[in-house]
């Protein structure tokens, strides 16, 4: 069974940075598109960034210039560097893989808290 695990969340001051990580129980992060989503309390889950199997990237407008998605195929890892954090970035961040045949895999999420 495929499992995704996110890590790297935590408490950060406004303007601060974190690096979120996503890994999988099997070596599939290099094969498929990987997405980062986030969900704040009382809000819908929203797509933040995507990296496809060719390492092409795409970002939601609200994070462009502040967040960077990347992958390390040798380590079976996908990262989300989050910089210049503000209150609106506080959320649980999830990793999702667009698997073969339309099967999606989700992690359990990592909490990002922004507070002074």
Protein backbone atom coordinates (compact mmCIF):
# COMPACT_ATOMS: atom_id res chain seq x y z
CA UNK A 1 0.00 0.00 0.00
CA UNK A 2 1.34 3.41 -0.96
CA UNK A 3 1.81 5.84 1.91
CA UNK A 4 2.85 9.46 1.67
CA UNK A 5 4.39 11.23 4.63
CA UNK A 6 4.80 14.98 4.95
CA UNK A 7 7.12 16.67 7.41
CA UNK A 8 8.75 20.00 8.07
CA UNK A 9 5.82 22.00 9.35
CA UNK A 10 5.97 24.05 12.49
CA UNK A 11 5.57 27.44 14.09
CA UNK A 12 7.17 30.34 12.26
CA UNK A 13 7.01 34.11 12.60
CA UNK A 14 5.56 36.26 9.83
CA UNK A 15 8.17 36.64 7.12
CA UNK A 16 9.79 33.36 8.06
CA UNK A 17 10.50 30.22 6.05
CA UNK A 18 10.07 26.48 6.22
CA UNK A 19 10.93 23.57 3.98
CA UNK A 20 8.19 20.97 3.77
CA UNK A 21 9.04 17.46 2.65
CA UNK A 22 7.02 14.65 1.14
CA UNK A 23 8.20 11.09 0.81
CA UNK A 24 6.51 7.87 -0.22
CA UNK A 25 6.67 4.27 0.94
CA UNK A 26 7.44 3.21 -2.63
CA UNK A 27 9.57 4.85 -5.27
CA UNK A 28 6.92 6.70 -7.23
CA UNK A 29 7.49 10.40 -6.66
CA UNK A 30 9.75 10.56 -9.70
CA UNK A 31 7.17 8.89 -11.94
CA UNK A 32 4.08 11.01 -11.45
CA UNK A 33 2.98 14.57 -10.88
CA UNK A 34 3.15 15.60 -7.23
CA UNK A 35 1.04 18.36 -5.77
CA UNK A 36 1.04 20.35 -2.57
CA UNK A 37 -2.34 21.41 -1.24
CA UNK A 38 -3.27 23.27 1.90
CA UNK A 39 -6.34 23.62 4.03
CA UNK A 40 -6.95 26.27 6.65
CA UNK A 41 -9.66 25.93 9.30
CA UNK A 42 -13.09 26.61 7.84
CA UNK A 43 -11.75 26.81 4.31
CA UNK A 44 -11.66 24.47 1.35
CA UNK A 45 -8.53 22.60 0.45
CA UNK A 46 -6.65 24.48 -2.25
CA UNK A 47 -3.90 23.61 -4.68
CA UNK A 48 -0.63 25.37 -3.95
CA UNK A 49 1.96 23.93 -6.34
CA UNK A 50 2.57 21.09 -8.77
CA UNK A 51 5.64 19.42 -10.20
CA UNK A 52 5.21 16.94 -13.01
CA UNK A 53 7.35 13.96 -13.94
CA UNK A 54 9.46 16.22 -16.15
CA UNK A 55 9.99 18.60 -13.23
CA UNK A 56 7.87 21.29 -14.80
CA UNK A 57 6.30 23.38 -12.08
CA UNK A 58 3.15 25.41 -11.62
CA UNK A 59 2.00 27.60 -8.75
CA UNK A 60 -1.15 29.17 -7.44
CA UNK A 61 -1.07 32.92 -7.95
CA UNK A 62 -1.14 33.57 -4.21
CA UNK A 63 2.23 31.84 -3.68
CA UNK A 64 4.12 32.75 -6.84
CA UNK A 65 7.50 34.19 -6.00
CA UNK A 66 7.34 32.94 -2.41
CA UNK A 67 7.05 29.14 -2.65
CA UNK A 68 9.23 26.74 -4.60
CA UNK A 69 8.45 23.11 -5.35
CA UNK A 70 11.27 20.73 -6.19
CA UNK A 71 12.07 17.05 -6.24
CA UNK A 72 15.03 14.81 -5.48
CA UNK A 73 14.45 11.59 -7.37
CA UNK A 74 17.41 9.82 -5.81
CA UNK A 75 15.90 10.38 -2.37
CA UNK A 76 12.28 9.84 -3.47
CA UNK A 77 11.43 13.24 -2.02
CA UNK A 78 9.44 16.28 -3.09
CA UNK A 79 9.93 19.57 -1.27
CA UNK A 80 8.02 22.77 -0.85
CA UNK A 81 10.15 25.71 0.19
CA UNK A 82 7.85 28.29 1.72
CA UNK A 83 9.24 31.79 2.21
CA UNK A 84 7.87 35.14 3.29
CA UNK A 85 5.09 33.45 5.22
CA UNK A 86 2.09 35.44 6.35
CA UNK A 87 -0.98 34.72 8.43
CA UNK A 88 -2.93 33.53 5.40
CA UNK A 89 -0.39 30.77 4.79
CA UNK A 90 -1.21 29.05 8.07
CA UNK A 91 -2.79 25.71 7.21
CA UNK A 92 -2.28 21.99 7.06
CA UNK A 93 -0.19 21.24 4.00
CA UNK A 94 -0.78 18.00 2.13
CA UNK A 95 1.14 16.13 -0.51
CA UNK A 96 -0.79 14.36 -3.27
CA UNK A 97 0.42 12.10 -6.04
CA UNK A 98 -1.55 11.79 -9.27
CA UNK A 99 -1.05 8.08 -9.68
CA UNK A 100 -1.63 5.79 -12.62
CA UNK A 101 -5.19 5.25 -13.77
CA UNK A 102 -6.49 8.26 -11.92
CA UNK A 103 -5.65 6.86 -8.51
CA UNK A 104 -4.62 9.61 -6.11
CA UNK A 105 -2.53 9.22 -2.99
CA UNK A 106 -2.64 11.67 -0.10
CA UNK A 107 -0.47 12.16 2.93
CA UNK A 108 -1.71 12.96 6.42
CA UNK A 109 -0.54 16.56 6.28
CA UNK A 110 1.88 18.77 8.17
CA UNK A 111 0.77 21.83 10.14
CA UNK A 112 2.19 25.26 9.36
CA UNK A 113 1.45 27.90 11.98
CA UNK A 114 2.34 31.55 11.43
CA UNK A 115 2.40 33.66 14.54
CA UNK A 116 4.48 36.34 16.17
